[in-house]
Amino acid sequence: VDKRQLLLARDRFGVKPMFLSKLSDGGLAFASELKGLLAHPLIRRRVN
């Protein structure tokens, strides 16, 4: 709260997942699974 910093961290081997997406409104969304991100209306569904 004081530093206004967000720390996202993942364990050594990646046992637990974390998905990220930069949004068109400038924000960053994150979730344990892709389906969590897809619940956000600004996530685009285009294949890489």
All heavy atoms as atom14 arrays in JSON, in Angstrom:
{
  "sequence": "VDKRQLLLARDRFGVKPMFLSKLSDGGLAFASELKGLLAHPLIRRRVN",
  "atom14_mask": [
    [1, 1, 1, 1, 1, 1, 1, 0, 0, 0, 0, 0, 0, 0],
    [1, 1, 1, 1, 1, 1, 1, 1, 0, 0, 0, 0, 0, 0],
    [1, 1, 1, 1, 1, 1, 1, 1, 1, 0, 0, 0, 0, 0],
    [1, 1, 1, 1, 1, 1, 1, 1, 1, 1, 1, 0, 0, 0],
    [1, 1, 1, 1, 1, 1, 1, 1, 1, 0, 0, 0, 0, 0],
    [1, 1, 1, 1, 1, 1, 1, 1, 0, 0, 0, 0, 0, 0],
    [1, 1, 1, 1, 1, 1, 1, 1, 0, 0, 0, 0, 0, 0],
    [1, 1, 1, 1, 1, 1, 1, 1, 0, 0, 0, 0, 0, 0],
    [1, 1, 1, 1, 1, 0, 0, 0, 0, 0, 0, 0, 0, 0],
    [1, 1, 1, 1, 1, 1, 1, 1, 1, 1, 1, 0, 0, 0],
    [1, 1, 1, 1, 1, 1, 1, 1, 0, 0, 0, 0, 0, 0],
    [1, 1, 1, 1, 1, 1, 1, 1, 1, 1, 1, 0, 0, 0],
    [1, 1, 1, 1, 1, 1, 1, 1, 1, 1, 1, 0, 0, 0],
    [1, 1, 1, 1, 0, 0, 0, 0, 0, 0, 0, 0, 0, 0],
    [1, 1, 1, 1, 1, 1, 1, 0, 0, 0, 0, 0, 0, 0],
    [1, 1, 1, 1, 1, 1, 1, 1, 1, 0, 0, 0, 0, 0],
    [1, 1, 1, 1, 1, 1, 1, 0, 0, 0, 0, 0, 0, 0],
    [1, 1, 1, 1, 1, 1, 1, 1, 0, 0, 0, 0, 0, 0],
    [1, 1, 1, 1, 1, 1, 1, 1, 1, 1, 1, 0, 0, 0],
    [1, 1, 1, 1, 1, 1, 1, 1, 0, 0, 0, 0, 0, 0],
    [1, 1, 1, 1, 1, 1, 0, 0, 0, 0, 0, 0, 0, 0],
    [1, 1, 1, 1, 1, 1, 1, 1, 1, 0, 0, 0, 0, 0],
    [1, 1, 1, 1, 1, 1, 1, 1, 0, 0, 0, 0, 0, 0],
    [1, 1, 1, 1, 1, 1, 0, 0, 0, 0, 0, 0, 0, 0],
    [1, 1, 1, 1, 1, 1, 1, 1, 0, 0, 0, 0, 0, 0],
    [1, 1, 1, 1, 0, 0, 0, 0, 0, 0, 0, 0, 0, 0],
    [1, 1, 1, 1, 0, 0, 0, 0, 0, 0, 0, 0, 0, 0],
    [1, 1, 1, 1, 1, 1, 1, 1, 0, 0, 0, 0, 0, 0],
    [1, 1, 1, 1, 1, 0, 0, 0, 0, 0, 0, 0, 0, 0],
    [1, 1, 1, 1, 1, 1, 1, 1, 1, 1, 1, 0, 0, 0],
    [1, 1, 1, 1, 1, 0, 0, 0, 0, 0, 0, 0, 0, 0],
    [1, 1, 1, 1, 1, 1, 0, 0, 0, 0, 0, 0, 0, 0],
    [1, 1, 1, 1, 1, 1, 1, 1, 1, 0, 0, 0, 0, 0],
    [1, 1, 1, 1, 1, 1, 1, 1, 0, 0, 0, 0, 0, 0],
    [1, 1, 1, 1, 1, 1, 1, 1, 1, 0, 0, 0, 0, 0],
    [1, 1, 1, 1, 0, 0, 0, 0, 0, 0, 0, 0, 0, 0],
    [1, 1, 1, 1, 1, 1, 1, 1, 0, 0, 0, 0, 0, 0],
    [1, 1, 1, 1, 1, 1, 1, 1, 0, 0, 0, 0, 0, 0],
    [1, 1, 1, 1, 1, 0, 0, 0, 0, 0, 0, 0, 0, 0],
    [1, 1, 1, 1, 1, 1, 1, 1, 1, 1, 0, 0, 0, 0],
    [1, 1, 1, 1, 1, 1, 1, 0, 0, 0, 0, 0, 0, 0],
    [1, 1, 1, 1, 1, 1, 1, 1, 0, 0, 0, 0, 0, 0],
    [1, 1, 1, 1, 1, 1, 1, 1, 0, 0, 0, 0, 0, 0],
    [1, 1, 1, 1, 1, 1, 1, 1, 1, 1, 1, 0, 0, 0],
    [1, 1, 1, 1, 1, 1, 1, 1, 1, 1, 1, 0, 0, 0],
    [1, 1, 1, 1, 1, 1, 1, 1, 1, 1, 1, 0, 0, 0],
    [1, 1, 1, 1, 1, 1, 1, 0, 0, 0, 0, 0, 0, 0],
    [1, 1, 1, 1, 1, 1, 1, 1, 0, 0, 0, 0, 0, 0]
  ],
  "atom14_positions": [
    [[0.83, -1.21, 0.0], [0.0, 0.0, 0.0], [0.86, 1.25, 0.0], [0.57, 2.23, -0.72], [-0.96, -0.01, 1.22], [-1.75, 1.3, 1.29], [-1.9, -1.2, 1.15], [0.0, 0.0, 0.0], [0.0, 0.0, 0.0], [0.0, 0.0, 0.0], [0.0, 0.0, 0.0], [0.0, 0.0, 0.0], [0.0, 0.0, 0.0], [0.0, 0.0, 0.0]],
    [[1.92, 1.27, 0.8], [2.76, 2.47, 0.9], [3.53, 2.74, -0.39], [3.62, 3.89, -0.85], [3.74, 2.33, 2.07], [3.04, 2.31, 3.42], [1.92, 2.84, 3.5], [3.61, 1.75, 4.37], [0.0, 0.0, 0.0], [0.0, 0.0, 0.0], [0.0, 0.0, 0.0], [0.0, 0.0, 0.0], [0.0, 0.0, 0.0], [0.0, 0.0, 0.0]],
    [[4.1, 1.69, -0.97], [4.91, 1.85, -2.19], [4.06, 1.86, -3.46], [4.59, 2.13, -4.54], [5.94, 0.73, -2.28], [6.97, 0.74, -1.16], [7.96, -0.42, -1.33], [9.0, -0.42, -0.23], [9.93, -1.58, -0.36], [0.0, 0.0, 0.0], [0.0, 0.0, 0.0], [0.0, 0.0, 0.0], [0.0, 0.0, 0.0], [0.0, 0.0, 0.0]],
    [[2.79, 1.51, -3.33], [1.88, 1.38, -4.49], [2.48, 0.42, -5.53], [2.45, 0.66, -6.73], [1.59, 2.75, -5.1], [0.85, 3.69, -4.16], [0.34, 4.91, -4.89], [1.43, 5.61, -5.59], [1.24, 6.43, -6.61], [0.01, 6.64, -7.08], [2.26, 7.04, -7.17], [0.0, 0.0, 0.0], [0.0, 0.0, 0.0], [0.0, 0.0, 0.0]],
    [[3.01, -0.68, -5.01], [3.64, -1.7, -5.85], [2.86, -3.0, -5.76], [2.36, -3.37, -4.69], [5.08, -1.97, -5.41], [6.05, -0.85, -5.69], [7.46, -1.19, -5.23], [7.67, -2.06, -4.38], [8.45, -0.5, -5.79], [0.0, 0.0, 0.0], [0.0, 0.0, 0.0], [0.0, 0.0, 0.0], [0.0, 0.0, 0.0], [0.0, 0.0, 0.0]],
    [[2.8, -3.71, -6.88], [2.2, -5.04, -6.92], [3.29, -6.04, -7.27], [3.96, -5.92, -8.3], [1.08, -5.13, -7.95], [0.39, -6.5, -8.04], [-0.44, -6.77, -6.79], [-0.48, -6.6, -9.29], [0.0, 0.0, 0.0], [0.0, 0.0, 0.0], [0.0, 0.0, 0.0], [0.0, 0.0, 0.0], [0.0, 0.0, 0.0], [0.0, 0.0, 0.0]],
    [[3.47, -7.04, -6.42], [4.42, -8.12, -6.66], [3.66, -9.36, -7.08], [2.82, -9.87, -6.35], [5.23, -8.4, -5.38], [6.14, -9.64, -5.42], [7.24, -9.49, -6.47], [6.75, -9.91, -4.04], [0.0, 0.0, 0.0], [0.0, 0.0, 0.0], [0.0, 0.0, 0.0], [0.0, 0.0, 0.0], [0.0, 0.0, 0.0], [0.0, 0.0, 0.0]],
    [[3.95, -9.83, -8.3], [3.43, -11.11, -8.77], [4.6, -12.09, -8.78], [5.66, -11.78, -9.34], [2.85, -10.98, -10.18], [1.72, -9.97, -10.37], [1.32, -9.89, -11.84], [0.52, -10.33, -9.51], [0.0, 0.0, 0.0], [0.0, 0.0, 0.0], [0.0, 0.0, 0.0], [0.0, 0.0, 0.0], [0.0, 0.0, 0.0], [0.0, 0.0, 0.0]],
    [[4.43, -13.24, -8.16], [5.54, -14.19, -8.05], [5.05, -15.61, -8.24], [3.93, -15.95, -7.87], [6.23, -14.06, -6.68], [0.0, 0.0, 0.0], [0.0, 0.0, 0.0], [0.0, 0.0, 0.0], [0.0, 0.0, 0.0], [0.0, 0.0, 0.0], [0.0, 0.0, 0.0], [0.0, 0.0, 0.0], [0.0, 0.0, 0.0], [0.0, 0.0, 0.0]],
    [[5.95, -16.43, -8.81], [5.63, -17.83, -9.08], [6.75, -18.71, -8.55], [7.93, -18.34, -8.59], [5.47, -18.03, -10.59], [4.81, -19.35, -10.98], [4.46, -19.37, -12.44], [3.96, -20.68, -12.84], [4.07, -21.18, -14.06], [4.67, -20.46, -15.02], [3.6, -22.37, -14.34], [0.0, 0.0, 0.0], [0.0, 0.0, 0.0], [0.0, 0.0, 0.0]],
    [[6.4, -19.89, -8.06], [7.38, -20.77, -7.41], [8.46, -21.25, -8.36], [8.4, -21.07, -9.57], [6.68, -21.96, -6.74], [5.99, -22.88, -7.74], [6.7, -23.53, -8.53], [4.76, -22.97, -7.74], [0.0, 0.0, 0.0], [0.0, 0.0, 0.0], [0.0, 0.0, 0.0], [0.0, 0.0, 0.0], [0.0, 0.0, 0.0], [0.0, 0.0, 0.0]],
    [[9.47, -21.88, -7.78], [10.7, -22.23, -8.5], [10.45, -23.06, -9.76], [11.07, -22.85, -10.79], [11.64, -22.99, -7.55], [12.19, -22.14, -6.42], [12.85, -23.0, -5.36], [13.45, -22.22, -4.29], [12.77, -21.76, -3.24], [11.46, -22.02, -3.12], [13.39, -21.06, -2.31], [0.0, 0.0, 0.0], [0.0, 0.0, 0.0], [0.0, 0.0, 0.0]],
    [[9.56, -24.05, -9.67], [9.36, -24.98, -10.78], [8.1, -24.7, -11.58], [7.87, -25.33, -12.61], [9.32, -26.41, -10.25], [10.61, -26.83, -9.6], [10.71, -26.94, -8.22], [11.73, -27.1, -10.36], [11.9, -27.3, -7.61], [12.92, -27.47, -9.76], [13.01, -27.57, -8.39], [0.0, 0.0, 0.0], [0.0, 0.0, 0.0], [0.0, 0.0, 0.0]],
    [[7.27, -23.78, -11.11], [6.03, -23.49, -11.83], [4.93, -24.47, -11.53], [4.1, -24.76, -12.4], [0.0, 0.0, 0.0], [0.0, 0.0, 0.0], [0.0, 0.0, 0.0], [0.0, 0.0, 0.0], [0.0, 0.0, 0.0], [0.0, 0.0, 0.0], [0.0, 0.0, 0.0], [0.0, 0.0, 0.0], [0.0, 0.0, 0.0], [0.0, 0.0, 0.0]],
    [[4.89, -24.99, -10.29], [3.82, -25.91, -9.9], [2.47, -25.18, -10.0], [1.49, -25.74, -10.47], [4.04, -26.44, -8.48], [2.91, -27.38, -8.07], [5.39, -27.16, -8.38], [0.0, 0.0, 0.0], [0.0, 0.0, 0.0], [0.0, 0.0, 0.0], [0.0, 0.0, 0.0], [0.0, 0.0, 0.0], [0.0, 0.0, 0.0], [0.0, 0.0, 0.0]],
    [[2.46, -23.93, -9.55], [1.23, -23.14, -9.6], [1.31, -22.13, -10.74], [2.33, -21.47, -10.93], [1.01, -22.41, -8.27], [0.75, -23.35, -7.09], [-0.58, -24.07, -7.22], [-0.44, -25.48, -7.73], [-1.71, -26.14, -8.03], [0.0, 0.0, 0.0], [0.0, 0.0, 0.0], [0.0, 0.0, 0.0], [0.0, 0.0, 0.0], [0.0, 0.0, 0.0]],
    [[0.24, -21.99, -11.51], [0.27, -21.17, -12.74], [-0.12, -19.72, -12.49], [-0.76, -19.39, -11.49], [-0.77, -21.87, -13.62], [-1.78, -22.39, -12.62], [-1.0, -22.76, -11.39], [0.0, 0.0, 0.0], [0.0, 0.0, 0.0], [0.0, 0.0, 0.0], [0.0, 0.0, 0.0], [0.0, 0.0, 0.0], [0.0, 0.0, 0.0], [0.0, 0.0, 0.0]],
    [[0.26, -18.86, -13.44], [-0.24, -17.49, -13.47], [-0.23, -16.97, -14.9], [0.82, -16.92, -15.55], [0.57, -16.57, -12.57], [-0.02, -15.16, -12.5], [0.87, -14.02, -11.41], [0.46, -14.69, -9.8], [0.0, 0.0, 0.0], [0.0, 0.0, 0.0], [0.0, 0.0, 0.0], [0.0, 0.0, 0.0], [0.0, 0.0, 0.0], [0.0, 0.0, 0.0]],
    [[-1.41, -16.57, -15.38], [-1.58, -15.99, -16.7], [-1.7, -14.47, -16.57], [-2.29, -13.97, -15.6], [-2.84, -16.54, -17.37], [-2.71, -17.96, -17.85], [-2.78, -19.03, -16.96], [-2.5, -18.24, -19.19], [-2.66, -20.33, -17.39], [-2.38, -19.54, -19.64], [-2.45, -20.6, -18.74], [0.0, 0.0, 0.0], [0.0, 0.0, 0.0], [0.0, 0.0, 0.0]],
    [[-1.17, -13.75, -17.57], [-1.16, -12.29, -17.56], [-1.66, -11.77, -18.9], [-1.45, -12.4, -19.93], [0.25, -11.75, -17.33], [1.12, -12.37, -16.24], [2.55, -11.88, -16.37], [0.56, -12.0, -14.87], [0.0, 0.0, 0.0], [0.0, 0.0, 0.0], [0.0, 0.0, 0.0], [0.0, 0.0, 0.0], [0.0, 0.0, 0.0], [0.0, 0.0, 0.0]],
    [[-2.26, -10.57, -18.88], [-2.63, -9.93, -20.14], [-2.68, -8.42, -19.95], [-3.31, -7.92, -19.01], [-3.99, -10.42, -20.63], [-4.3, -9.84, -21.89], [0.0, 0.0, 0.0], [0.0, 0.0, 0.0], [0.0, 0.0, 0.0], [0.0, 0.0, 0.0], [0.0, 0.0, 0.0], [0.0, 0.0, 0.0], [0.0, 0.0, 0.0], [0.0, 0.0, 0.0]],
    [[-1.99, -7.71, -20.85], [-2.06, -6.25, -20.87], [-3.34, -5.85, -21.58], [-3.61, -6.27, -22.7], [-0.84, -5.68, -21.59], [0.47, -6.0, -20.9], [1.66, -5.51, -21.72], [2.98, -5.93, -21.07], [4.15, -5.53, -21.88], [0.0, 0.0, 0.0], [0.0, 0.0, 0.0], [0.0, 0.0, 0.0], [0.0, 0.0, 0.0], [0.0, 0.0, 0.0]],
    [[-4.12, -5.01, -20.92], [-5.44, -4.64, -21.43], [-5.38, -3.36, -22.24], [-4.47, -2.53, -22.07], [-6.41, -4.47, -20.25], [-6.56, -5.68, -19.33], [-7.41, -5.32, -18.12], [-7.16, -6.87, -20.07], [0.0, 0.0, 0.0], [0.0, 0.0, 0.0], [0.0, 0.0, 0.0], [0.0, 0.0, 0.0], [0.0, 0.0, 0.0], [0.0, 0.0, 0.0]],
    [[-6.36, -3.17, -23.08], [-6.39, -1.98, -23.94], [-6.58, -0.7, -23.14], [-6.25, 0.39, -23.61], [-7.51, -2.12, -24.98], [-8.77, -2.28, -24.34], [0.0, 0.0, 0.0], [0.0, 0.0, 0.0], [0.0, 0.0, 0.0], [0.0, 0.0, 0.0], [0.0, 0.0, 0.0], [0.0, 0.0, 0.0], [0.0, 0.0, 0.0], [0.0, 0.0, 0.0]],
    [[-7.09, -0.81, -21.9], [-7.27, 0.39, -21.07], [-6.04, 0.7, -20.23], [-6.08, 1.58, -19.36], [-8.5, 0.25, -20.18], [-8.36, -0.84, -19.12], [-7.32, -1.54, -19.1], [-9.29, -1.0, -18.3], [0.0, 0.0, 0.0], [0.0, 0.0, 0.0], [0.0, 0.0, 0.0], [0.0, 0.0, 0.0], [0.0, 0.0, 0.0], [0.0, 0.0, 0.0]],
    [[-4.92, -0.02, -20.51], [-3.67, 0.23, -19.81], [-3.44, -0.64, -18.6], [-2.36, -0.6, -18.0], [0.0, 0.0, 0.0], [0.0, 0.0, 0.0], [0.0, 0.0, 0.0], [0.0, 0.0, 0.0], [0.0, 0.0, 0.0], [0.0, 0.0, 0.0], [0.0, 0.0, 0.0], [0.0, 0.0, 0.0], [0.0, 0.0, 0.0], [0.0, 0.0, 0.0]],
    [[-4.42, -1.41, -18.19], [-4.27, -2.25, -17.02], [-3.62, -3.59, -17.34], [-3.42, -3.96, -18.49], [0.0, 0.0, 0.0], [0.0, 0.0, 0.0], [0.0, 0.0, 0.0], [0.0, 0.0, 0.0], [0.0, 0.0, 0.0], [0.0, 0.0, 0.0], [0.0, 0.0, 0.0], [0.0, 0.0, 0.0], [0.0, 0.0, 0.0], [0.0, 0.0, 0.0]],
    [[-3.3, -4.3, -16.28], [-2.8, -5.67, -16.38], [-3.77, -6.58, -15.64], [-4.06, -6.35, -14.45], [-1.4, -5.81, -15.77], [-0.84, -7.24, -15.78], [-0.27, -7.57, -17.15], [0.25, -7.42, -14.72], [0.0, 0.0, 0.0], [0.0, 0.0, 0.0], [0.0, 0.0, 0.0], [0.0, 0.0, 0.0], [0.0, 0.0, 0.0], [0.0, 0.0, 0.0]],
    [[-4.28, -7.59, -16.32], [-5.13, -8.59, -15.68], [-4.33, -9.86, -15.47], [-3.46, -10.19, -16.28], [-6.36, -8.89, -16.55], [0.0, 0.0, 0.0], [0.0, 0.0, 0.0], [0.0, 0.0, 0.0], [0.0, 0.0, 0.0], [0.0, 0.0, 0.0], [0.0, 0.0, 0.0], [0.0, 0.0, 0.0], [0.0, 0.0, 0.0], [0.0, 0.0, 0.0]],
    [[-4.59, -10.56, -14.37], [-3.89, -11.81, -14.1], [-4.85, -12.8, -13.47], [-5.85, -12.42, -12.84], [-2.67, -11.59, -13.19], [-3.0, -10.95, -11.86], [-3.32, -11.72, -10.74], [-2.97, -9.57, -11.72], [-3.62, -11.13, -9.52], [-3.27, -8.96, -10.5], [-3.59, -9.75, -9.39], [0.0, 0.0, 0.0], [0.0, 0.0, 0.0], [0.0, 0.0, 0.0]],
    [[-4.57, -14.09, -13.66], [-5.44, -15.14, -13.12], [-4.7, -16.47, -13.11], [-3.74, -16.66, -13.85], [-6.72, -15.26, -13.94], [0.0, 0.0, 0.0], [0.0, 0.0, 0.0], [0.0, 0.0, 0.0], [0.0, 0.0, 0.0], [0.0, 0.0, 0.0], [0.0, 0.0, 0.0], [0.0, 0.0, 0.0], [0.0, 0.0, 0.0], [0.0, 0.0, 0.0]],
    [[-5.18, -17.38, -12.29], [-4.56, -18.71, -12.18], [-4.74, -19.54, -13.44], [-3.93, -20.42, -13.72], [-5.16, -19.48, -10.99], [-4.85, -18.85, -9.78], [0.0, 0.0, 0.0], [0.0, 0.0, 0.0], [0.0, 0.0, 0.0], [0.0, 0.0, 0.0], [0.0, 0.0, 0.0], [0.0, 0.0, 0.0], [0.0, 0.0, 0.0], [0.0, 0.0, 0.0]],
    [[-5.82, -19.3, -14.17], [-6.07, -20.03, -15.41], [-6.55, -19.06, -16.47], [-7.05, -17.97, -16.17], [-7.11, -21.14, -15.2], [-6.69, -22.23, -14.23], [-7.74, -23.32, -14.08], [-8.55, -23.5, -15.02], [-7.76, -23.98, -13.03], [0.0, 0.0, 0.0], [0.0, 0.0, 0.0], [0.0, 0.0, 0.0], [0.0, 0.0, 0.0], [0.0, 0.0, 0.0]],
    [[-6.41, -19.48, -17.72], [-6.83, -18.64, -18.83], [-8.32, -18.32, -18.73], [-8.74, -17.2, -19.07], [-6.51, -19.34, -20.16], [-6.87, -18.59, -21.44], [-6.2, -17.22, -21.49], [-6.48, -19.42, -22.66], [0.0, 0.0, 0.0], [0.0, 0.0, 0.0], [0.0, 0.0, 0.0], [0.0, 0.0, 0.0], [0.0, 0.0, 0.0], [0.0, 0.0, 0.0]],
    [[-9.14, -19.24, -18.27], [-10.57, -18.99, -18.18], [-10.86, -17.83, -17.23], [-11.87, -17.13, -17.38], [-11.34, -20.25, -17.76], [-10.92, -20.88, -16.45], [-11.83, -22.05, -16.07], [-11.86, -23.15, -17.11], [-10.62, -23.94, -17.17], [0.0, 0.0, 0.0], [0.0, 0.0, 0.0], [0.0, 0.0, 0.0], [0.0, 0.0, 0.0], [0.0, 0.0, 0.0]],
    [[-10.0, -17.59, -16.25], [-10.17, -16.44, -15.38], [-9.97, -15.14, -16.13], [-10.72, -14.17, -15.96], [0.0, 0.0, 0.0], [0.0, 0.0, 0.0], [0.0, 0.0, 0.0], [0.0, 0.0, 0.0], [0.0, 0.0, 0.0], [0.0, 0.0, 0.0], [0.0, 0.0, 0.0], [0.0, 0.0, 0.0], [0.0, 0.0, 0.0], [0.0, 0.0, 0.0]],
    [[-8.96, -15.09, -16.99], [-8.73, -13.9, -17.82], [-9.88, -13.68, -18.8], [-10.31, -12.55, -19.05], [-7.43, -14.04, -18.61], [-6.1, -13.89, -17.86], [-4.95, -13.94, -18.85], [-6.06, -12.58, -17.07], [0.0, 0.0, 0.0], [0.0, 0.0, 0.0], [0.0, 0.0, 0.0], [0.0, 0.0, 0.0], [0.0, 0.0, 0.0], [0.0, 0.0, 0.0]],
    [[-10.37, -14.77, -19.37], [-11.41, -14.66, -20.39], [-12.72, -14.12, -19.84], [-13.6, -13.7, -20.61], [-11.64, -16.02, -21.05], [-10.48, -16.54, -21.9], [-10.76, -17.95, -22.41], [-10.2, -15.59, -23.07], [0.0, 0.0, 0.0], [0.0, 0.0, 0.0], [0.0, 0.0, 0.0], [0.0, 0.0, 0.0], [0.0, 0.0, 0.0], [0.0, 0.0, 0.0]],
    [[-12.87, -14.1, -18.52], [-14.05, -13.49, -17.92], [-13.99, -11.97, -17.96], [-14.98, -11.3, -17.67], [-14.2, -13.97, -16.47], [0.0, 0.0, 0.0], [0.0, 0.0, 0.0], [0.0, 0.0, 0.0], [0.0, 0.0, 0.0], [0.0, 0.0, 0.0], [0.0, 0.0, 0.0], [0.0, 0.0, 0.0], [0.0, 0.0, 0.0], [0.0, 0.0, 0.0]],
    [[-12.81, -11.42, -18.32], [-12.66, -9.97, -18.46], [-13.05, -9.59, -19.89], [-12.57, -10.18, -20.85], [-11.22, -9.54, -18.18], [-11.07, -8.07, -17.97], [-11.23, -7.15, -18.99], [-10.76, -7.34, -16.86], [-11.04, -5.93, -18.52], [-10.76, -6.02, -17.23], [0.0, 0.0, 0.0], [0.0, 0.0, 0.0], [0.0, 0.0, 0.0], [0.0, 0.0, 0.0]],
    [[-13.9, -8.58, -20.07], [-14.43, -8.28, -21.41], [-13.4, -7.73, -22.39], [-13.68, -7.7, -23.6], [-15.51, -7.23, -21.12], [-15.13, -6.62, -19.81], [-14.5, -7.72, -19.03], [0.0, 0.0, 0.0], [0.0, 0.0, 0.0], [0.0, 0.0, 0.0], [0.0, 0.0, 0.0], [0.0, 0.0, 0.0], [0.0, 0.0, 0.0], [0.0, 0.0, 0.0]],
    [[-12.22, -7.29, -21.92], [-11.24, -6.7, -22.84], [-10.24, -7.71, -23.39], [-9.37, -7.33, -24.18], [-10.48, -5.56, -22.13], [-11.32, -4.35, -21.73], [-10.44, -3.27, -21.12], [-12.1, -3.78, -22.92], [0.0, 0.0, 0.0], [0.0, 0.0, 0.0], [0.0, 0.0, 0.0], [0.0, 0.0, 0.0], [0.0, 0.0, 0.0], [0.0, 0.0, 0.0]],
    [[-10.35, -8.97, -23.0], [-9.44, -9.99, -23.53], [-9.89, -10.38, -24.93], [-11.03, -10.78, -25.15], [-9.4, -11.24, -22.62], [-8.95, -10.86, -21.21], [-8.48, -12.29, -23.22], [-7.54, -10.35, -21.11], [0.0, 0.0, 0.0], [0.0, 0.0, 0.0], [0.0, 0.0, 0.0], [0.0, 0.0, 0.0], [0.0, 0.0, 0.0], [0.0, 0.0, 0.0]],
    [[-8.99, -10.26, -25.9], [-9.3, -10.62, -27.29], [-8.97, -12.09, -27.53], [-7.98, -12.61, -27.01], [-8.51, -9.74, -28.25], [-8.84, -8.26, -28.13], [-8.08, -7.45, -29.16], [-8.5, -7.79, -30.52], [-7.87, -7.38, -31.61], [-6.79, -6.64, -31.52], [-8.32, -7.74, -32.81], [0.0, 0.0, 0.0], [0.0, 0.0, 0.0], [0.0, 0.0, 0.0]],
    [[-9.78, -12.75, -28.33], [-9.62, -14.19, -28.59], [-9.07, -14.41, -29.99], [-9.78, -14.87, -30.88], [-10.94, -14.91, -28.36], [-11.52, -14.65, -26.98], [-12.71, -15.51, -26.67], [-13.3, -15.15, -25.39], [-13.93, -16.0, -24.58], [-14.02, -17.28, -24.93], [-14.44, -15.61, -23.44], [0.0, 0.0, 0.0], [0.0, 0.0, 0.0], [0.0, 0.0, 0.0]],
    [[-7.82, -14.09, -30.16], [-7.16, -14.25, -31.46], [-5.93, -15.14, -31.27], [-5.14, -14.94, -30.35], [-6.75, -12.9, -32.02], [-6.08, -12.98, -33.4], [-5.85, -11.6, -33.97], [-7.11, -10.97, -34.37], [-7.71, -11.17, -35.54], [-7.18, -11.99, -36.44], [-8.83, -10.57, -35.82], [0.0, 0.0, 0.0], [0.0, 0.0, 0.0], [0.0, 0.0, 0.0]],
    [[-5.78, -16.13, -32.14], [-4.7, -17.11, -32.0], [-3.34, -16.49, -32.31], [-3.19, -15.72, -33.27], [-4.95, -18.32, -32.92], [-3.72, -19.21, -33.02], [-6.14, -19.13, -32.41], [0.0, 0.0, 0.0], [0.0, 0.0, 0.0], [0.0, 0.0, 0.0], [0.0, 0.0, 0.0], [0.0, 0.0, 0.0], [0.0, 0.0, 0.0], [0.0, 0.0, 0.0]],
    [[-2.37, -16.84, -31.5], [-0.98, -16.43, -31.7], [-0.31, -17.46, -32.61], [-0.17, -18.63, -32.22], [-0.28, -16.36, -30.34], [1.16, -15.92, -30.45], [1.75, -15.88, -31.53], [1.74, -15.59, -29.31], [0.0, 0.0, 0.0], [0.0, 0.0, 0.0], [0.0, 0.0, 0.0], [0.0, 0.0, 0.0], [0.0, 0.0, 0.0], [0.0, 0.0, 0.0]]
  ]
}
